[in-house]
Structure formats: structure tokens, C-alpha cells
Protein backbone atom coordinates (compact mmCIF):
# COMPACT_ATOMS: atom_id res chain seq x y z
CA UNK A 1 -9.01 -17.97 -17.52
CA UNK A 2 -10.86 -14.94 -18.82
CA UNK A 3 -11.89 -13.96 -15.30
CA UNK A 4 -8.31 -13.73 -14.04
CA UNK A 5 -7.37 -11.69 -17.10
CA UNK A 6 -10.18 -9.24 -16.32
CA UNK A 7 -8.91 -8.93 -12.74
CA UNK A 8 -5.30 -8.40 -13.90
CA UNK A 9 -6.50 -5.65 -16.26
CA UNK A 10 -8.41 -3.96 -13.44
CA UNK A 11 -5.31 -4.34 -11.17
CA UNK A 12 -2.94 -2.90 -13.75
CA UNK A 13 -5.16 0.12 -14.53
CA UNK A 14 -5.52 0.75 -10.73
CA UNK A 15 -1.75 0.59 -10.19
CA UNK A 16 -0.99 2.93 -13.15
CA UNK A 17 -3.50 5.48 -11.95
CA UNK A 18 -2.27 5.27 -8.34
CA UNK A 19 1.35 5.63 -9.37
CA UNK A 20 0.62 8.65 -11.58
CA UNK A 21 -1.44 10.26 -8.81
CA UNK A 22 1.25 9.63 -6.25
CA UNK A 23 3.93 11.03 -8.55
CA UNK A 24 1.89 14.24 -9.17
CA UNK A 25 1.15 15.06 -5.57
CA UNK A 26 2.29 12.52 -2.98
CA UNK A 27 -1.30 11.40 -2.72
CA UNK A 28 -3.37 8.51 -3.92
CA UNK A 29 -6.75 10.12 -4.31
CA UNK A 30 -10.12 8.65 -3.33
CA UNK A 31 -11.29 9.26 -6.87
CA UNK A 32 -8.85 6.54 -7.91
CA UNK A 33 -9.29 3.92 -5.21
CA UNK A 34 -13.01 4.09 -4.46
CA UNK A 35 -14.11 3.30 -8.02
CA UNK A 36 -11.76 0.35 -8.10
CA UNK A 37 -13.07 -0.92 -4.76
CA UNK A 38 -16.53 -0.80 -6.33
CA UNK A 39 -15.30 -2.45 -9.58
CA UNK A 40 -13.59 -5.18 -7.60
CA UNK A 41 -16.76 -5.93 -5.61
CA UNK A 42 -18.92 -5.84 -8.76
CA UNK A 43 -16.55 -8.14 -10.63
CA UNK A 44 -16.42 -10.65 -7.81
CA UNK A 45 -20.12 -10.60 -7.18
CA UNK A 46 -20.70 -11.20 -10.91
CA UNK A 47 -18.26 -14.05 -10.97
CA UNK A 48 -19.21 -15.70 -7.67
CA UNK A 49 -22.35 -14.16 -6.21
CA UNK A 50 -22.46 -13.84 -2.39
CA UNK A 51 -19.13 -15.61 -2.10
CA UNK A 52 -17.58 -13.04 -4.38
CA UNK A 53 -18.94 -10.26 -2.14
CA UNK A 54 -17.38 -11.82 0.91
CA UNK A 55 -14.12 -12.37 -1.04
CA UNK A 56 -13.96 -8.65 -1.86
CA UNK A 57 -15.08 -7.42 1.57
CA UNK A 58 -12.37 -9.37 3.34
CA UNK A 59 -9.84 -7.95 0.91
CA UNK A 60 -11.09 -4.44 1.72
CA UNK A 61 -11.47 -4.57 5.47
CA UNK A 62 -8.45 -6.60 6.62
CA UNK A 63 -5.82 -4.30 5.15
CA UNK A 64 -7.44 -1.33 6.89
CA UNK A 65 -7.49 -3.18 10.25
CA UNK A 66 -3.88 -4.28 9.90
CA UNK A 67 -2.42 -0.99 8.71
CA UNK A 68 -4.43 1.64 10.60
CA UNK A 69 -1.79 1.80 13.34
CA UNK A 70 0.85 2.81 10.73
CA UNK A 71 -1.50 5.62 9.64
CA UNK A 72 -1.98 6.77 13.24
CA UNK A 73 1.80 6.86 13.64
CA UNK A 74 2.15 8.83 10.42
CA UNK A 75 4.26 6.10 8.87
CA UNK A 76 1.83 5.26 6.03
CA UNK A 77 -0.67 7.44 4.29
CA UNK A 78 -4.39 6.78 4.16
CA UNK A 79 -4.23 6.61 0.35
CA UNK A 80 -1.69 3.80 0.55
CA UNK A 81 -3.99 1.82 2.91
CA UNK A 82 -6.97 2.41 0.63
CA UNK A 83 -4.84 1.29 -2.31
CA UNK A 84 -4.23 -2.02 -0.54
CA UNK A 85 -7.96 -2.28 0.05
CA UNK A 86 -8.68 -1.68 -3.63
CA UNK A 87 -6.21 -4.39 -4.49
CA UNK A 88 -7.94 -6.67 -2.02
CA UNK A 89 -11.38 -5.80 -3.46
CA UNK A 90 -10.21 -6.99 -6.87
CA UNK A 91 -7.82 -9.81 -6.04
CA UNK A 92 -8.98 -10.95 -2.57
CA UNK A 93 -7.53 -11.07 0.92
CA UNK A 94 -4.68 -13.53 0.36
CA UNK A 95 -3.36 -11.59 -2.57
CA UNK A 96 -3.65 -8.33 -0.66
CA UNK A 97 -1.79 -9.75 2.38
CA UNK A 98 1.06 -11.03 0.22
CA UNK A 99 1.17 -7.66 -1.59
CA UNK A 100 1.41 -5.82 1.73
CA UNK A 101 4.35 -8.03 2.81
CA UNK A 102 6.20 -7.71 -0.51
CA UNK A 103 5.43 -3.96 -0.64
CA UNK A 104 7.03 -3.42 2.75
CA UNK A 105 10.04 -5.43 1.72
CA UNK A 106 10.32 -3.43 -1.55
CA UNK A 107 9.76 -0.23 0.48
CA UNK A 108 12.64 -1.12 2.77
CA UNK A 109 14.92 -1.71 -0.24
CA UNK A 110 13.80 1.56 -1.82
CA UNK A 111 14.35 3.49 1.45
CA UNK A 112 17.82 1.97 1.79
CA UNK A 113 18.69 2.89 -1.76
CA UNK A 114 17.38 6.46 -1.20
CA UNK A 115 19.44 6.76 1.98
CA UNK A 116 22.52 5.77 0.09
CA UNK A 117 21.75 8.08 -2.84
CA UNK A 118 20.74 11.02 -0.67
CA UNK A 119 23.66 10.38 1.72
CA UNK A 120 21.40 11.11 4.69
CA UNK A 121 21.72 7.90 6.67
CA UNK A 122 23.05 9.58 9.79
CA UNK A 123 20.27 12.18 9.71
CA UNK A 124 17.60 9.47 9.25
CA UNK A 125 18.97 7.35 12.14
CA UNK A 126 19.14 10.47 14.36
CA UNK A 127 15.49 11.16 13.49
CA UNK A 128 14.50 7.58 14.38
CA UNK A 129 16.55 7.73 17.66
CA UNK A 130 14.91 11.07 18.59
CA UNK A 131 11.47 9.71 17.78
CA UNK A 132 11.99 6.58 19.91
CA UNK A 133 13.48 8.61 22.79
CA UNK A 134 10.54 11.00 22.68
CA UNK A 135 8.03 8.11 22.74
CA UNK A 136 9.87 6.55 25.69
CA UNK A 137 10.12 9.80 27.67
CA UNK A 138 6.52 10.80 27.14
CA UNK A 139 5.27 7.22 27.45
CA UNK A 140 3.08 7.87 24.43
CA UNK A 141 3.06 7.03 20.77
CA UNK A 142 3.78 10.15 18.75
CA UNK A 143 3.46 10.76 14.98
CA UNK A 144 6.71 9.67 13.30
CA UNK A 145 6.62 12.33 10.57
CA UNK A 146 4.70 15.23 9.13
CA UNK A 147 3.27 14.09 5.80
CA UNK A 148 3.11 17.70 4.58
CA UNK A 149 6.87 18.24 4.99
CA UNK A 150 8.07 16.79 1.69
CA UNK A 151 11.59 18.14 2.00
CA UNK A 152 12.74 16.32 5.12
CA UNK A 153 14.60 13.66 3.03
CA UNK A 154 12.79 10.77 4.64
CA UNK A 155 9.85 10.23 2.35
CA UNK A 156 9.25 8.60 -0.98
CA UNK A 157 6.22 7.75 -3.01
CA UNK A 158 5.03 4.50 -1.52
CA UNK A 159 3.07 3.66 -4.69
CA UNK A 160 6.38 2.54 -6.13
CA UNK A 161 6.72 -0.04 -3.30
CA UNK A 162 3.13 -1.16 -3.80
CA UNK A 163 3.64 -1.63 -7.57
CA UNK A 164 6.82 -3.51 -6.82
CA UNK A 165 4.95 -5.60 -4.19
CA UNK A 166 2.27 -6.59 -6.72
CA UNK A 167 4.94 -7.41 -9.27
CA UNK A 168 6.87 -9.62 -6.82
CA UNK A 169 3.54 -11.26 -5.75
CA UNK A 170 2.58 -12.03 -9.33
CA UNK A 171 6.10 -13.25 -10.17
CA UNK A 172 6.29 -15.57 -7.14
CA UNK A 173 2.78 -16.85 -7.52
CA UNK A 174 2.55 -17.31 -11.30
CA UNK A 175 0.06 -20.05 -12.00
CA UNK A 176 -1.65 -19.94 -8.64
CA UNK A 177 -5.38 -19.00 -8.92
CA UNK A 178 -6.15 -15.93 -6.88
């Protein structure tokens, strides 16, 4: 029981720091995620030896492999992917995969809410249509957005979605040992 509490404390501190960092500059810095990747590895190695190392490494590597295409397409930032890896380092692959799923669902809900609040649905759908048309005409995959353009009305701090995804994950899986 104490081991899961330690992991939850690590996870909560990671999420708070990532959220604050994202709010301050639309970035989740390496100085936040890398120490928690290391902490997750050390915690799991301490708790379960070599199996703990494998547990953490799977949680680190698989999110990168699954999400790298979204980074290449400029749909997800590198910091967001590393945040999922840090979560995986602490909580393991299964927890990280569920968090990714719930984060994308939460992100979709947040995006829809922002479209409604910003009243820019037509603009966003035109952007998507233009993007898809450009990819089709050029027969290549183009970057979806410019991360540096914060005023285009189509971005939000994805750390909110990740925190929501972790919350949903914990709520749905209360009582399941991670």
C-alpha cells in the first residue's frame, strides 16, 4: 500500500509541475520530465529490481513510439510525449496507455468547448479542410500547425488534457493495482 502512495505522490507532483510549466509558456520542459523519468525508474527498481526496470522502460518507450507521428505532424508537442513517458516511468505501460486514451478524449472535449467559447468552429474546420486538401494534392504529410503561432485560435495547453486523463484513469480504475 505504501508503494502505491509513493507513486501517486510522484505522479501528482509531476502533473502539478507540468501544468504550471505549460501554463507559463506552452511548454513542458525537460527539467520537469527527465527527473521524474529517473525517479520513476529508481522507484520501480527499488521496489521490484530488474522487473521494475523493465516495467519503467516499457512505460517510457512505448508512448514515444506510439505518439511520435503526432509530433512529426505538429499535432502534439514533444513535451507532451515526454510527459506521457514520465507517467509511464512511474506508473507503468498499462497506466500510461490508458492515460493517453483518456487524455485524447478529454482533449477532444476541451477542444470542442474552446471552439464553442471562441466561436471559431468554421475557421477551425476550414483549416482542417485546407490541411487535408494540401496533403492530398502534394501526396505528402505536412505539419498541421505551427507550434510557435499561439494566436491562431486552434491551440490549448495539452497538460490540462493529460491531467484530466490521469484523473479519469484513476477514477475508473480505483482499487486496481498499477
